[in-house]
Amino acid sequence: MQTISRYLFPALVAVFAAACLYEMRGDLAQLSLAPLLRSWDLVVLAALCSLLNYAFRIVRWQSYLTRLGRRLPLGFISLTYVAGFAFTVSPGKVGEMARARYYSRLGVSLPDVAGAFFVERLMDVIAMLVLAALIATAAPRYHAAMWSAGVMVIAVLVCLSLTPWNDIARWLEATRRLPRSLARLGAGACKALGAARTLLSPSALLFGFLLGLAAWGLEGVGFYLLGSMFPGAHLTITLGAGIYAVAVLVGAISFLPGGLGSTEAVMAALLTARGFTVADALLVTIVCRLVTLWLAVLIGWVAVFALRHRLEPAAVSSWP
C-alpha cells in the first residue's frame, strides 16, 4: 500500500496530462516548431526570467527564516527551497512544504516552516492580483475570480491579525475535551499561524510583497517574450504580464495540481483574444509552462537528489 500511495499521485497527473493532450490533438497537430527555432534566444531569456524568479523568492525565504530566529547558510537555504519545487505540481503548491523535512534535523520546527510558507503564498497571491490588474479591464470575464481572490486575501490578513493563535494552541495542548491526536493537530496549526503573524509586520509585508511582485513580474516578462515570437499579434509587456498573472490565479483557484489544464486554457484563450491563432497561442502556452512550471520541477528534483547526502546538521555548517 505504501508503494501504491507513493506512485498514485504522479500516475494521476500523468493520466490527466494525457487526457488533455488527447483532447487537444487536433490543435496540436497544427503546431509548428519553426517559430521556436527562429526565436530560440527568446526562449532562453524567458527561462532566465524564471531563474531570476527563483532567486528573488529564495532571498525572501531566507528573510522569513531570519525573522523567525533561524539563521542558516544561504547555500543550504537555496538548495532546500528549490527542492520544494519537485512537489510544486500539487493543489495550491502545498507539496512544497516537503522542504520542512530538511529543516527538522536543525531544530527548525514545522510550525515555523509552515508559517513562513503560508505568508509566502499569501504575498504571492497579492503580487499576482496586482499584476492581473494590468489586464482586468480587457478581460471582464475574470473579474469575479480576481475579486474573490482579493476578498479572500483581505479576510485572511484580518483573521491572522486579530486571532490569538498562541493562546488557542496552549488551550488545545491542555484540554482534555478533544482526542489527543486532534488536539495536537490543531495546536500545530495554530502555532504555524502564530508564526505567520510575526511575519506580517509592515516592513516584512512590504519586503515580501515587493520581492514577490518582482519575481512574478519577471515570469510575466518571460511570457511576453515568448509571445513576441509572433509580432503580428500586438502583445504588449503589460498585457503579457497581466495574462500570465490571470492564468496563474485561475489555476490556483481551481485547486488542480499545478493548475494543470485551467492555467493553460486561460492563457490560450486570452492570447487568442489578442489576435493569436489557436496554434500559435497553444505553442506560446506550452513553451511558457515548460520554462516556468516544469523547469522548476526539474530543478527541484535535481536539488532533492543533491540533498540526499547533505542532510546532517554538521554538514550544514560548512555551506557558504
Protein backbone atom coordinates (compact mmCIF):
# COMPACT_ATOMS: atom_id res chain seq x y z
CA MET A 1 0.00 0.00 0.00
CA GLN A 2 2.87 2.36 0.79
CA THR A 3 4.35 1.78 -2.67
CA ILE A 4 0.95 2.32 -4.31
CA SER A 5 0.37 5.59 -2.42
CA ARG A 6 3.83 6.80 -3.39
CA TYR A 7 3.17 6.50 -7.11
CA LEU A 8 -0.58 7.18 -7.15
CA PHE A 9 -0.37 10.98 -7.38
CA PRO A 10 2.25 11.08 -10.21
CA ALA A 11 0.17 8.48 -12.06
CA LEU A 12 -2.98 10.59 -11.74
CA VAL A 13 -1.10 13.67 -13.00
CA ALA A 14 0.21 11.68 -15.97
CA VAL A 15 -3.28 10.40 -16.82
CA PHE A 16 -4.70 13.92 -16.56
CA ALA A 17 -1.97 15.31 -18.82
CA ALA A 18 -2.51 12.52 -21.35
CA ALA A 19 -6.25 13.23 -21.40
CA CYS A 20 -5.59 16.94 -22.03
CA LEU A 21 -3.21 16.12 -24.87
CA TYR A 22 -5.74 13.73 -26.39
CA GLU A 23 -8.48 16.36 -26.32
CA MET A 24 -6.19 18.91 -27.98
CA ARG A 25 -4.72 16.52 -30.52
CA GLY A 26 -6.32 18.38 -33.43
CA ASP A 27 -4.88 21.73 -32.40
CA LEU A 28 -1.51 20.23 -31.51
CA ALA A 29 -1.25 18.77 -34.99
CA GLN A 30 -1.25 22.34 -36.32
CA LEU A 31 1.71 23.41 -34.21
CA SER A 32 4.89 24.40 -35.98
CA LEU A 33 8.27 24.45 -34.25
CA ALA A 34 9.66 26.90 -36.79
CA PRO A 35 9.00 29.96 -34.55
CA LEU A 36 10.95 28.29 -31.74
CA LEU A 37 13.92 27.59 -33.99
CA ARG A 38 13.78 31.13 -35.30
CA SER A 39 13.44 32.74 -31.85
CA TRP A 40 15.37 30.35 -29.59
CA ASP A 41 17.03 33.33 -27.89
CA LEU A 42 13.63 34.49 -26.61
CA VAL A 43 13.04 31.06 -25.08
CA VAL A 44 16.41 31.27 -23.33
CA LEU A 45 15.59 34.75 -22.00
CA ALA A 46 12.22 33.51 -20.72
CA ALA A 47 13.98 30.66 -18.91
CA LEU A 48 16.42 33.16 -17.38
CA CYS A 49 13.45 35.21 -16.14
CA SER A 50 12.20 32.07 -14.38
CA LEU A 51 15.60 31.50 -12.77
CA LEU A 52 15.60 35.09 -11.50
CA ASN A 53 12.12 34.47 -10.14
CA TYR A 54 13.52 31.60 -8.08
CA ALA A 55 16.42 33.77 -6.86
CA PHE A 56 14.13 36.54 -5.59
CA ARG A 57 11.93 34.03 -3.79
CA ILE A 58 14.96 32.38 -2.17
CA VAL A 59 16.03 35.76 -0.78
CA ARG A 60 12.54 36.28 0.62
CA TRP A 61 12.51 32.80 2.16
CA GLN A 62 15.85 33.45 3.88
CA SER A 63 14.47 36.72 5.20
CA TYR A 64 11.43 34.96 6.67
CA LEU A 65 13.55 32.32 8.39
CA THR A 66 15.84 35.02 9.78
CA ARG A 67 12.87 36.93 11.20
CA LEU A 68 11.80 33.71 12.90
CA GLY A 69 15.24 33.48 14.51
CA ARG A 70 16.62 30.80 12.16
CA ARG A 71 19.91 31.92 10.62
CA LEU A 72 21.09 29.31 8.12
CA PRO A 73 23.68 29.41 5.30
CA LEU A 74 22.37 30.86 2.03
CA GLY A 75 23.65 27.86 0.04
CA PHE A 76 21.70 25.40 2.20
CA ILE A 77 18.56 27.55 2.16
CA SER A 78 18.75 27.89 -1.62
CA LEU A 79 19.02 24.17 -2.23
CA THR A 80 16.30 23.22 0.26
CA TYR A 81 13.97 25.90 -1.08
CA VAL A 82 14.43 24.75 -4.67
CA ALA A 83 13.94 21.12 -3.56
CA GLY A 84 10.37 22.04 -2.71
CA PHE A 85 9.75 22.71 -6.41
CA ALA A 86 9.90 18.96 -7.01
CA PHE A 87 6.44 18.78 -5.44
CA THR A 88 5.04 22.04 -6.81
CA VAL A 89 2.59 20.11 -9.02
CA SER A 90 0.12 19.87 -6.16
CA PRO A 91 -3.08 21.74 -5.29
CA GLY A 92 -2.14 25.20 -4.04
CA LYS A 93 1.53 24.12 -4.25
CA VAL A 94 1.22 22.71 -0.74
CA GLY A 95 3.59 19.95 -1.79
CA GLU A 96 6.40 22.49 -1.46
CA MET A 97 6.03 22.07 2.30
CA ALA A 98 8.12 18.93 1.78
CA ARG A 99 11.15 21.18 2.30
CA ALA A 100 10.32 21.17 6.01
CA ARG A 101 11.99 17.77 6.34
CA TYR A 102 15.37 19.35 5.64
CA TYR A 103 14.98 21.82 8.50
CA SER A 104 13.63 19.45 11.15
CA ARG A 105 17.09 18.00 11.85
CA LEU A 106 18.39 21.51 12.51
CA GLY A 107 15.81 22.27 15.17
CA VAL A 108 13.54 24.37 12.96
CA SER A 109 10.01 23.46 13.96
CA LEU A 110 7.32 22.51 11.49
CA PRO A 111 5.05 25.40 12.65
CA ASP A 112 7.80 27.91 11.80
CA VAL A 113 8.27 26.47 8.30
CA ALA A 114 4.50 26.23 7.79
CA GLY A 115 4.04 29.84 8.94
CA ALA A 116 6.71 31.12 6.56
CA PHE A 117 5.23 29.05 3.74
CA PHE A 118 1.75 30.41 4.42
CA VAL A 119 2.92 34.04 4.35
CA GLU A 120 4.95 33.36 1.20
CA ARG A 121 1.87 32.03 -0.60
CA LEU A 122 -0.18 34.98 0.66
CA MET A 123 2.34 37.52 -0.68
CA ASP A 124 2.42 35.68 -4.00
CA VAL A 125 -1.36 35.94 -4.32
CA ILE A 126 -1.29 39.68 -3.57
CA ALA A 127 1.52 40.25 -6.07
CA MET A 128 -0.33 38.26 -8.74
CA LEU A 129 -3.51 40.23 -8.10
CA VAL A 130 -1.63 43.47 -8.71
CA LEU A 131 -0.15 42.08 -11.94
CA ALA A 132 -3.54 40.71 -13.01
CA ALA A 133 -4.99 44.21 -12.69
CA LEU A 134 -2.97 45.08 -15.81
CA ILE A 135 -5.47 43.14 -17.90
CA ALA A 136 -8.61 43.39 -15.77
CA THR A 137 -10.25 45.97 -18.00
CA ALA A 138 -9.58 43.86 -21.10
CA ALA A 139 -10.93 40.61 -19.64
CA PRO A 140 -14.09 41.30 -17.61
CA ARG A 141 -14.98 37.60 -17.54
CA TYR A 142 -12.23 37.07 -14.96
CA HIS A 143 -13.27 39.94 -12.67
CA ALA A 144 -15.21 37.60 -10.39
CA ALA A 145 -12.21 35.31 -9.87
CA MET A 146 -9.91 38.26 -9.16
CA TRP A 147 -12.33 39.92 -6.74
CA SER A 148 -12.87 36.60 -4.98
CA ALA A 149 -9.13 36.17 -4.52
CA GLY A 150 -8.78 39.75 -3.27
CA VAL A 151 -11.58 39.35 -0.71
CA MET A 152 -10.05 36.08 0.48
CA VAL A 153 -6.64 37.72 0.98
CA ILE A 154 -8.13 40.59 3.00
CA ALA A 155 -10.15 38.18 5.14
CA VAL A 156 -7.05 36.07 5.83
CA LEU A 157 -4.98 39.12 6.83
CA VAL A 158 -7.70 40.33 9.21
CA CYS A 159 -8.08 36.86 10.70
CA LEU A 160 -4.34 36.47 11.20
CA SER A 161 -4.03 39.86 12.86
CA LEU A 162 -6.94 39.54 15.29
CA THR A 163 -6.91 35.89 16.36
CA PRO A 164 -4.78 34.93 19.43
CA TRP A 165 -3.31 31.82 17.83
CA ASN A 166 -0.72 31.10 20.53
CA ASP A 167 -3.37 31.22 23.27
CA ILE A 168 -5.56 28.84 21.29
CA ALA A 169 -2.58 26.50 20.81
CA ARG A 170 -1.91 26.43 24.57
CA TRP A 171 -5.57 25.70 25.26
CA LEU A 172 -5.57 22.83 22.77
CA GLU A 173 -2.44 21.36 24.33
CA ALA A 174 -4.01 21.46 27.80
CA THR A 175 -7.60 20.46 27.03
CA ARG A 176 -9.00 17.02 27.77
CA ARG A 177 -12.19 17.60 25.84
CA LEU A 178 -10.78 16.62 22.46
CA PRO A 179 -8.99 13.47 21.25
CA ARG A 180 -5.23 13.92 21.74
CA SER A 181 -4.43 13.42 18.05
CA LEU A 182 -6.94 16.09 17.03
CA ALA A 183 -5.77 18.46 19.76
CA ARG A 184 -2.12 18.07 18.70
CA LEU A 185 -3.02 18.68 15.07
CA GLY A 186 -4.98 21.80 15.95
CA ALA A 187 -2.23 23.09 18.23
CA GLY A 188 0.35 22.64 15.49
CA ALA A 189 -1.81 24.52 13.00
CA CYS A 190 -2.33 27.37 15.48
CA LYS A 191 1.40 27.59 16.16
CA ALA A 192 2.03 27.83 12.42
CA LEU A 193 -0.48 30.66 12.12
CA GLY A 194 1.09 32.35 15.13
CA ALA A 195 4.48 32.17 13.41
CA ALA A 196 2.89 33.57 10.26
CA ARG A 197 1.59 36.57 12.20
CA THR A 198 5.12 37.50 13.27
CA LEU A 199 5.97 37.89 9.57
CA LEU A 200 3.15 40.36 8.92
CA SER A 201 4.73 43.50 10.34
CA PRO A 202 4.56 46.47 7.92
CA SER A 203 8.24 46.15 6.97
CA ALA A 204 8.01 42.38 6.43
CA LEU A 205 4.80 42.76 4.42
CA LEU A 206 6.31 45.43 2.18
CA PHE A 207 9.54 43.49 1.67
CA GLY A 208 7.74 40.23 0.89
CA PHE A 209 5.28 41.92 -1.44
CA LEU A 210 7.94 43.82 -3.42
CA LEU A 211 10.08 40.71 -3.87
CA GLY A 212 7.01 38.72 -4.89
CA LEU A 213 5.99 41.41 -7.35
CA ALA A 214 9.49 41.47 -8.86
CA ALA A 215 9.69 37.65 -9.00
CA TRP A 216 6.33 37.04 -10.66
CA GLY A 217 6.66 40.16 -12.78
CA LEU A 218 9.79 38.59 -14.27
CA GLU A 219 7.87 35.47 -15.23
CA GLY A 220 5.24 37.73 -16.78
CA VAL A 221 8.01 39.38 -18.79
CA GLY A 222 9.15 35.92 -19.86
CA PHE A 223 5.63 35.18 -21.08
CA TYR A 224 5.66 38.44 -23.06
CA LEU A 225 9.00 37.48 -24.63
CA LEU A 226 7.56 34.17 -25.77
CA GLY A 227 4.51 35.94 -27.19
CA SER A 228 6.74 38.33 -29.11
CA MET A 229 7.72 35.40 -31.34
CA PHE A 230 4.57 36.43 -33.20
CA PRO A 231 4.81 40.24 -33.53
CA GLY A 232 1.66 40.46 -35.62
CA ALA A 233 -0.46 39.74 -32.53
CA HIS A 234 0.48 43.08 -30.87
CA LEU A 235 1.11 41.78 -27.36
CA THR A 236 2.49 44.46 -25.02
CA ILE A 237 4.62 43.76 -21.96
CA THR A 238 1.87 44.89 -19.57
CA LEU A 239 -0.73 42.72 -21.27
CA GLY A 240 1.68 39.81 -21.30
CA ALA A 241 2.32 40.10 -17.55
CA GLY A 242 -1.41 40.54 -16.94
CA ILE A 243 -2.37 37.48 -18.97
CA TYR A 244 0.20 35.38 -17.15
CA ALA A 245 -1.00 36.56 -13.74
CA VAL A 246 -4.69 35.98 -14.52
CA ALA A 247 -3.96 32.47 -15.81
CA VAL A 248 -1.89 31.52 -12.76
CA LEU A 249 -4.53 32.91 -10.39
CA VAL A 250 -7.33 30.98 -12.09
CA GLY A 251 -5.17 27.86 -11.95
CA ALA A 252 -4.57 28.37 -8.23
CA ILE A 253 -8.27 28.92 -7.50
CA SER A 254 -9.13 25.74 -9.41
CA PHE A 255 -7.01 23.72 -6.91
CA LEU A 256 -5.98 21.38 -9.71
CA PRO A 257 -2.41 20.04 -9.34
CA GLY A 258 -0.15 22.86 -10.51
CA GLY A 259 -3.18 24.49 -12.12
CA LEU A 260 -2.81 21.93 -14.92
CA GLY A 261 -5.41 22.40 -17.60
CA SER A 262 -7.07 25.52 -16.18
CA THR A 263 -3.95 27.71 -16.39
CA GLU A 264 -3.19 26.59 -19.93
CA ALA A 265 -6.80 27.07 -21.03
CA VAL A 266 -6.90 30.66 -19.74
CA MET A 267 -3.51 31.53 -21.27
CA ALA A 268 -4.50 30.18 -24.68
CA ALA A 269 -7.93 31.85 -24.58
CA LEU A 270 -6.55 35.27 -23.67
CA LEU A 271 -3.82 35.04 -26.29
CA THR A 272 -6.41 34.12 -28.91
CA ALA A 273 -8.44 37.15 -27.87
CA ARG A 274 -5.35 39.29 -28.54
CA GLY A 275 -5.09 38.13 -32.16
CA PHE A 276 -3.05 34.90 -31.87
CA THR A 277 -4.15 31.92 -33.89
CA VAL A 278 -5.14 28.89 -31.83
CA ALA A 279 -1.97 27.03 -32.86
CA ASP A 280 0.30 29.98 -32.01
CA ALA A 281 -1.45 30.53 -28.67
CA LEU A 282 -1.00 26.85 -27.80
CA LEU A 283 2.68 26.98 -28.73
CA VAL A 284 3.32 30.02 -26.52
CA THR A 285 1.34 28.45 -23.67
CA ILE A 286 3.15 25.11 -23.83
CA VAL A 287 6.60 26.69 -24.00
CA CYS A 288 5.72 29.06 -21.16
CA ARG A 289 4.71 26.18 -18.92
CA LEU A 290 7.88 24.31 -19.85
CA VAL A 291 10.16 27.19 -18.83
CA THR A 292 8.18 28.01 -15.67
CA LEU A 293 6.36 25.09 -14.04
CA TRP A 294 8.26 22.14 -15.49
CA LEU A 295 11.67 23.83 -15.33
CA ALA A 296 11.02 24.35 -11.61
CA VAL A 297 10.03 20.69 -11.17
CA LEU A 298 13.19 19.54 -12.98
CA ILE A 299 15.48 21.76 -10.91
CA GLY A 300 13.61 20.70 -7.79
CA TRP A 301 14.35 17.03 -8.35
CA VAL A 302 18.00 17.82 -9.01
CA ALA A 303 18.10 19.58 -5.64
CA VAL A 304 16.33 16.66 -3.93
CA PHE A 305 18.99 14.22 -5.13
CA ALA A 306 21.79 16.67 -4.26
CA LEU A 307 20.48 16.94 -0.69
CA ARG A 308 20.27 13.21 -0.10
CA HIS A 309 23.88 13.19 1.09
CA ARG A 310 23.81 16.57 2.87
CA LEU A 311 21.13 16.25 5.49
CA GLU A 312 23.31 16.03 8.59
CA PRO A 313 23.47 19.20 10.77
CA ALA A 314 27.28 19.01 10.86
CA ALA A 315 27.42 19.22 7.09
CA VAL A 316 25.24 22.33 7.01
CA SER A 317 27.78 24.45 8.90
CA SER A 318 30.25 24.05 6.02
CA TRP A 319 27.88 25.59 3.47
CA PRO A 320 28.65 29.05 2.10
